[in-house]
Amino acid sequence: MPESEPEFGPAARTRDVYLLFAHEPYYPGPDTREINTTVVAADSLLHPHVRQPDGVKIHDLLTRGRQPGEIIPLATLTHELNGGADWPRIGDWEGVTTDLVQLVHTGRCDALSLGLPEIPRALLCTGPRGRLRVYDAAAEDFASYGPAERAAALERVSLFLTSIALERPFWPGDRLLPPLGRLT
């Protein structure tokens, strides 16, 4: 009898995928820039100090059908989960991201901590086809931003991440839990 697949999809997963998520801004020290967005290796979701089994289930979703090196915004996962309606069957994404920020603060995993400007951050917090309309007081008109600008913002983050990860791969932490299925 063939082994059944995990509840959340096929066993094959992609390594070297990253999760990008926005969070409440903080300042890491005096005279520093606001940090409002973080990128972690997907395997950080398997850390024992992350809410479980939620982290393992989000890891499964995050690594399924991705390309190595790909950065997946949390908003993309929300889009893939029926606009967020299916989050309850996966887990508490708010609790997991709060735990991830705590891991970063305590140095238990590597992360790219960013202080993104308002519009790129908002674009990365929308789904892949989301649109923003922003009033430009100088032009006395509205500016529209959409998928092309979101892709450009994600590409800028990716270039920065790639330059860092080339020096040293991101460390997801120690004593990680096993993922659902196997990674390829």
C-alpha atoms as a PDB file:
ATOM      1  CA  MET A   1       0.000   0.000   0.000  1.00  0.00           C
ATOM      2  CA  PRO A   2       1.521   3.399  -0.978  1.00  0.00           C
ATOM      3  CA  GLU A   3       2.405   5.826   1.772  1.00  0.00           C
ATOM      4  CA  SER A   4      -0.161   8.601   1.977  1.00  0.00           C
ATOM      5  CA  GLU A   5       0.812  12.215   1.381  1.00  0.00           C
ATOM      6  CA  PRO A   6       0.735  14.732   4.199  1.00  0.00           C
ATOM      7  CA  GLU A   7      -2.525  16.638   4.605  1.00  0.00           C
ATOM      8  CA  PHE A   8      -1.064  19.770   3.045  1.00  0.00           C
ATOM      9  CA  GLY A   9       0.253  18.410  -0.255  1.00  0.00           C
ATOM     10  CA  PRO A  10       3.009  16.456  -1.964  1.00  0.00           C
ATOM     11  CA  ALA A  11       6.123  15.333  -0.099  1.00  0.00           C
ATOM     12  CA  ALA A  12       8.616  17.229  -2.308  1.00  0.00           C
ATOM     13  CA  ARG A  13       9.631  20.612  -0.899  1.00  0.00           C
ATOM     14  CA  THR A  14      12.183  23.248  -1.870  1.00  0.00           C
ATOM     15  CA  ARG A  15      15.141  24.213   0.290  1.00  0.00           C
ATOM     16  CA  ASP A  16      16.495  27.738   0.605  1.00  0.00           C
ATOM     17  CA  VAL A  17      13.143  29.521   0.594  1.00  0.00           C
ATOM     18  CA  TYR A  18      12.566  32.632   2.698  1.00  0.00           C
ATOM     19  CA  LEU A  19       9.557  34.110   4.488  1.00  0.00           C
ATOM     20  CA  LEU A  20       9.051  37.888   4.431  1.00  0.00           C
ATOM     21  CA  PHE A  21       6.631  39.408   6.922  1.00  0.00           C
ATOM     22  CA  ALA A  22       5.812  42.865   8.217  1.00  0.00           C
ATOM     23  CA  HIS A  23       5.399  43.478  11.933  1.00  0.00           C
ATOM     24  CA  GLU A  24       5.055  46.227  14.500  1.00  0.00           C
ATOM     25  CA  PRO A  25       8.005  48.599  14.068  1.00  0.00           C
ATOM     26  CA  TYR A  26      10.821  48.547  16.578  1.00  0.00           C
ATOM     27  CA  TYR A  27      14.163  50.302  16.968  1.00  0.00           C
ATOM     28  CA  PRO A  28      17.106  47.975  17.674  1.00  0.00           C
ATOM     29  CA  GLY A  29      19.083  50.672  19.463  1.00  0.00           C
ATOM     30  CA  PRO A  30      19.607  54.396  19.908  1.00  0.00           C
ATOM     31  CA  ASP A  31      19.972  56.398  16.705  1.00  0.00           C
ATOM     32  CA  THR A  32      18.867  53.446  14.547  1.00  0.00           C
ATOM     33  CA  ARG A  33      16.314  53.149  11.791  1.00  0.00           C
ATOM     34  CA  GLU A  34      12.897  51.654  12.322  1.00  0.00           C
ATOM     35  CA  ILE A  35      12.696  47.917  11.604  1.00  0.00           C
ATOM     36  CA  ASN A  36       9.258  46.985  10.265  1.00  0.00           C
ATOM     37  CA  THR A  37       9.801  43.950   8.049  1.00  0.00           C
ATOM     38  CA  THR A  38      11.815  40.749   8.512  1.00  0.00           C
ATOM     39  CA  VAL A  39      13.030  37.975   6.222  1.00  0.00           C
ATOM     40  CA  VAL A  40      13.943  34.577   7.705  1.00  0.00           C
ATOM     41  CA  ALA A  41      14.894  31.218   6.229  1.00  0.00           C
ATOM     42  CA  ALA A  42      11.839  28.994   5.916  1.00  0.00           C
ATOM     43  CA  ASP A  43      13.488  26.444   8.208  1.00  0.00           C
ATOM     44  CA  SER A  44      13.275  28.974  11.073  1.00  0.00           C
ATOM     45  CA  LEU A  45       9.591  28.018  11.182  1.00  0.00           C
ATOM     46  CA  LEU A  46      10.772  24.612  12.437  1.00  0.00           C
ATOM     47  CA  HIS A  47      12.459  26.149  15.489  1.00  0.00           C
ATOM     48  CA  PRO A  48      11.210  24.740  18.809  1.00  0.00           C
ATOM     49  CA  HIS A  49      10.653  28.281  20.140  1.00  0.00           C
ATOM     50  CA  VAL A  50       8.113  28.939  17.369  1.00  0.00           C
ATOM     51  CA  ARG A  51       4.471  28.039  18.088  1.00  0.00           C
ATOM     52  CA  GLN A  52       3.977  24.429  16.961  1.00  0.00           C
ATOM     53  CA  PRO A  53       2.562  22.611  15.088  1.00  0.00           C
ATOM     54  CA  ASP A  54       1.652  25.901  13.379  1.00  0.00           C
ATOM     55  CA  GLY A  55       5.251  26.672  12.359  1.00  0.00           C
ATOM     56  CA  VAL A  56       5.710  23.217  10.798  1.00  0.00           C
ATOM     57  CA  LYS A  57       2.448  23.566   8.844  1.00  0.00           C
ATOM     58  CA  ILE A  58       3.335  27.065   7.598  1.00  0.00           C
ATOM     59  CA  HIS A  59       6.796  25.735   6.633  1.00  0.00           C
ATOM     60  CA  ASP A  60       5.086  23.013   4.606  1.00  0.00           C
ATOM     61  CA  LEU A  61       2.950  25.563   2.776  1.00  0.00           C
ATOM     62  CA  LEU A  62       5.875  27.956   2.303  1.00  0.00           C
ATOM     63  CA  THR A  63       8.248  25.387   0.780  1.00  0.00           C
ATOM     64  CA  ARG A  64       5.779  23.606  -1.520  1.00  0.00           C
ATOM     65  CA  GLY A  65       6.337  24.297  -5.248  1.00  0.00           C
ATOM     66  CA  ARG A  66       8.832  27.143  -4.793  1.00  0.00           C
ATOM     67  CA  GLN A  67      12.134  27.997  -6.423  1.00  0.00           C
ATOM     68  CA  PRO A  68      15.402  27.921  -4.458  1.00  0.00           C
ATOM     69  CA  GLY A  69      16.194  31.396  -3.149  1.00  0.00           C
ATOM     70  CA  GLU A  70      12.603  32.587  -3.528  1.00  0.00           C
ATOM     71  CA  ILE A  71      11.247  35.089  -0.997  1.00  0.00           C
ATOM     72  CA  ILE A  72       7.592  34.515  -0.200  1.00  0.00           C
ATOM     73  CA  PRO A  73       5.732  37.361   1.516  1.00  0.00           C
ATOM     74  CA  LEU A  74       3.259  36.301   4.190  1.00  0.00           C
ATOM     75  CA  ALA A  75       0.624  38.136   2.120  1.00  0.00           C
ATOM     76  CA  THR A  76       1.263  35.684  -0.739  1.00  0.00           C
ATOM     77  CA  LEU A  77       0.513  32.777   1.585  1.00  0.00           C
ATOM     78  CA  THR A  78      -2.654  34.557   2.694  1.00  0.00           C
ATOM     79  CA  HIS A  79      -3.643  34.978  -0.967  1.00  0.00           C
ATOM     80  CA  GLU A  80      -2.978  31.267  -1.595  1.00  0.00           C
ATOM     81  CA  LEU A  81      -5.116  30.399   1.426  1.00  0.00           C
ATOM     82  CA  ASN A  82      -8.326  31.699  -0.096  1.00  0.00           C
ATOM     83  CA  GLY A  83      -7.614  35.278   0.919  1.00  0.00           C
ATOM     84  CA  GLY A  84      -6.870  34.121   4.468  1.00  0.00           C
ATOM     85  CA  ALA A  85     -10.073  32.147   4.982  1.00  0.00           C
ATOM     86  CA  ASP A  86      -8.051  28.910   5.214  1.00  0.00           C
ATOM     87  CA  TRP A  87      -5.500  30.151   7.786  1.00  0.00           C
ATOM     88  CA  PRO A  88      -7.386  28.438  10.646  1.00  0.00           C
ATOM     89  CA  ARG A  89      -6.628  24.978   9.202  1.00  0.00           C
ATOM     90  CA  ILE A  90      -2.914  25.870   8.914  1.00  0.00           C
ATOM     91  CA  GLY A  91      -2.260  27.796  12.087  1.00  0.00           C
ATOM     92  CA  ASP A  92      -1.892  31.051  13.950  1.00  0.00           C
ATOM     93  CA  TRP A  93       0.262  33.123  11.593  1.00  0.00           C
ATOM     94  CA  GLU A  94       0.207  36.101  13.983  1.00  0.00           C
ATOM     95  CA  GLY A  95       1.553  34.030  16.860  1.00  0.00           C
ATOM     96  CA  VAL A  96       4.169  32.421  14.625  1.00  0.00           C
ATOM     97  CA  THR A  97       5.449  35.740  13.275  1.00  0.00           C
ATOM     98  CA  THR A  98       5.547  37.158  16.812  1.00  0.00           C
ATOM     99  CA  ASP A  99       7.651  34.138  17.836  1.00  0.00           C
ATOM    100  CA  LEU A 100       9.928  34.658  14.813  1.00  0.00           C
ATOM    101  CA  VAL A 101      10.534  38.305  15.749  1.00  0.00           C
ATOM    102  CA  GLN A 102      11.436  37.129  19.260  1.00  0.00           C
ATOM    103  CA  LEU A 103      13.879  34.578  17.777  1.00  0.00           C
ATOM    104  CA  VAL A 104      15.518  37.362  15.781  1.00  0.00           C
ATOM    105  CA  HIS A 105      15.698  39.665  18.847  1.00  0.00           C
ATOM    106  CA  THR A 106      17.395  36.954  20.901  1.00  0.00           C
ATOM    107  CA  GLY A 107      19.817  35.880  18.148  1.00  0.00           C
ATOM    108  CA  ARG A 108      18.413  32.360  17.830  1.00  0.00           C
ATOM    109  CA  CYS A 109      18.286  32.569  14.015  1.00  0.00           C
ATOM    110  CA  ASP A 110      19.623  34.734  11.217  1.00  0.00           C
ATOM    111  CA  ALA A 111      17.355  37.320   9.654  1.00  0.00           C
ATOM    112  CA  LEU A 112      17.330  40.254   7.315  1.00  0.00           C
ATOM    113  CA  SER A 113      15.713  43.062   9.307  1.00  0.00           C
ATOM    114  CA  LEU A 114      14.437  45.868   7.113  1.00  0.00           C
ATOM    115  CA  GLY A 115      13.051  49.344   7.550  1.00  0.00           C
ATOM    116  CA  LEU A 116      10.995  49.483   4.381  1.00  0.00           C
ATOM    117  CA  PRO A 117       9.396  52.738   3.254  1.00  0.00           C
ATOM    118  CA  GLU A 118       5.614  52.947   3.533  1.00  0.00           C
ATOM    119  CA  ILE A 119       4.632  52.135  -0.078  1.00  0.00           C
ATOM    120  CA  PRO A 120       6.961  49.152  -0.696  1.00  0.00           C
ATOM    121  CA  ARG A 121       5.993  47.736   2.713  1.00  0.00           C
ATOM    122  CA  ALA A 122       2.286  48.156   1.940  1.00  0.00           C
ATOM    123  CA  LEU A 123       2.758  46.490  -1.454  1.00  0.00           C
ATOM    124  CA  LEU A 124       4.481  43.507   0.159  1.00  0.00           C
ATOM    125  CA  CYS A 125       1.551  43.282   2.593  1.00  0.00           C
ATOM    126  CA  THR A 126      -0.921  42.900  -0.264  1.00  0.00           C
ATOM    127  CA  GLY A 127      -1.493  39.813  -2.357  1.00  0.00           C
ATOM    128  CA  PRO A 128       0.293  39.320  -5.678  1.00  0.00           C
ATOM    129  CA  ARG A 129      -2.510  41.049  -7.604  1.00  0.00           C
ATOM    130  CA  GLY A 130      -3.275  43.725  -5.014  1.00  0.00           C
ATOM    131  CA  ARG A 131      -3.415  47.422  -5.864  1.00  0.00           C
ATOM    132  CA  LEU A 132      -2.778  50.556  -3.806  1.00  0.00           C
ATOM    133  CA  ARG A 133      -4.089  54.032  -4.465  1.00  0.00           C
ATOM    134  CA  VAL A 134      -2.196  56.701  -2.591  1.00  0.00           C
ATOM    135  CA  TYR A 135      -2.925  60.393  -2.562  1.00  0.00           C
ATOM    136  CA  ASP A 136       0.096  62.444  -3.678  1.00  0.00           C
ATOM    137  CA  ALA A 137      -0.355  65.885  -2.107  1.00  0.00           C
ATOM    138  CA  ALA A 138       2.401  67.439  -4.240  1.00  0.00           C
ATOM    139  CA  ALA A 139       0.695  66.341  -7.465  1.00  0.00           C
ATOM    140  CA  GLU A 140      -2.793  66.808  -5.984  1.00  0.00           C
ATOM    141  CA  ASP A 141      -3.724  63.475  -7.492  1.00  0.00           C
ATOM    142  CA  PHE A 142      -3.768  59.784  -6.690  1.00  0.00           C
ATOM    143  CA  ALA A 143      -0.891  57.469  -7.599  1.00  0.00           C
ATOM    144  CA  SER A 144      -1.627  53.824  -8.293  1.00  0.00           C
ATOM    145  CA  TYR A 145       0.690  50.939  -7.469  1.00  0.00           C
ATOM    146  CA  GLY A 146       0.161  47.307  -8.324  1.00  0.00           C
ATOM    147  CA  PRO A 147       1.773  43.971  -9.158  1.00  0.00           C
ATOM    148  CA  ALA A 148       4.671  45.476 -11.153  1.00  0.00           C
ATOM    149  CA  GLU A 149       5.698  47.764  -8.291  1.00  0.00           C
ATOM    150  CA  ARG A 150       5.260  44.917  -5.792  1.00  0.00           C
ATOM    151  CA  ALA A 151       7.531  42.693  -7.903  1.00  0.00           C
ATOM    152  CA  ALA A 152      10.121  45.493  -8.075  1.00  0.00           C
ATOM    153  CA  ALA A 153      10.040  45.941  -4.284  1.00  0.00           C
ATOM    154  CA  LEU A 154      10.439  42.195  -3.798  1.00  0.00           C
ATOM    155  CA  GLU A 155      13.314  42.148  -6.298  1.00  0.00           C
ATOM    156  CA  ARG A 156      15.144  44.880  -4.329  1.00  0.00           C
ATOM    157  CA  VAL A 157      14.796  42.827  -1.155  1.00  0.00           C
ATOM    158  CA  SER A 158      15.941  39.725  -3.051  1.00  0.00           C
ATOM    159  CA  LEU A 159      19.081  41.440  -4.363  1.00  0.00           C
ATOM    160  CA  PHE A 160      19.986  42.573  -0.862  1.00  0.00           C
ATOM    161  CA  LEU A 161      19.285  39.118   0.602  1.00  0.00           C
ATOM    162  CA  THR A 162      21.285  37.376  -2.119  1.00  0.00           C
ATOM    163  CA  SER A 163      24.343  39.525  -1.451  1.00  0.00           C
ATOM    164  CA  ILE A 164      24.175  38.609   2.248  1.00  0.00           C
ATOM    165  CA  ALA A 165      23.384  34.906   1.738  1.00  0.00           C
ATOM    166  CA  LEU A 166      26.311  34.521  -0.682  1.00  0.00           C
ATOM    167  CA  GLU A 167      28.697  35.363   2.138  1.00  0.00           C
ATOM    168  CA  ARG A 168      27.064  32.932   4.543  1.00  0.00           C
ATOM    169  CA  PRO A 169      23.805  30.982   4.278  1.00  0.00           C
ATOM    170  CA  PHE A 170      21.089  32.005   6.722  1.00  0.00           C
ATOM    171  CA  TRP A 171      21.175  30.000   9.936  1.00  0.00           C
ATOM    172  CA  PRO A 172      17.605  28.949  10.829  1.00  0.00           C
ATOM    173  CA  GLY A 173      18.477  28.087  14.427  1.00  0.00           C
ATOM    174  CA  ASP A 174      19.318  24.954  16.380  1.00  0.00           C
ATOM    175  CA  ARG A 175      17.388  21.810  17.334  1.00  0.00           C
ATOM    176  CA  LEU A 176      14.889  22.242  14.485  1.00  0.00           C
ATOM    177  CA  LEU A 177      11.823  20.036  14.279  1.00  0.00           C
ATOM    178  CA  PRO A 178      11.447  17.743  11.268  1.00  0.00           C
ATOM    179  CA  PRO A 179       9.439  19.159   8.340  1.00  0.00           C
ATOM    180  CA  LEU A 180       6.331  17.529   6.933  1.00  0.00           C
ATOM    181  CA  GLY A 181       7.372  15.409   3.942  1.00  0.00           C
ATOM    182  CA  ARG A 182      10.907  15.655   2.622  1.00  0.00           C
ATOM    183  CA  LEU A 183      12.808  18.568   1.122  1.00  0.00           C
ATOM    184  CA  THR A 184      14.387  18.336  -2.310  1.00  0.00           C
END
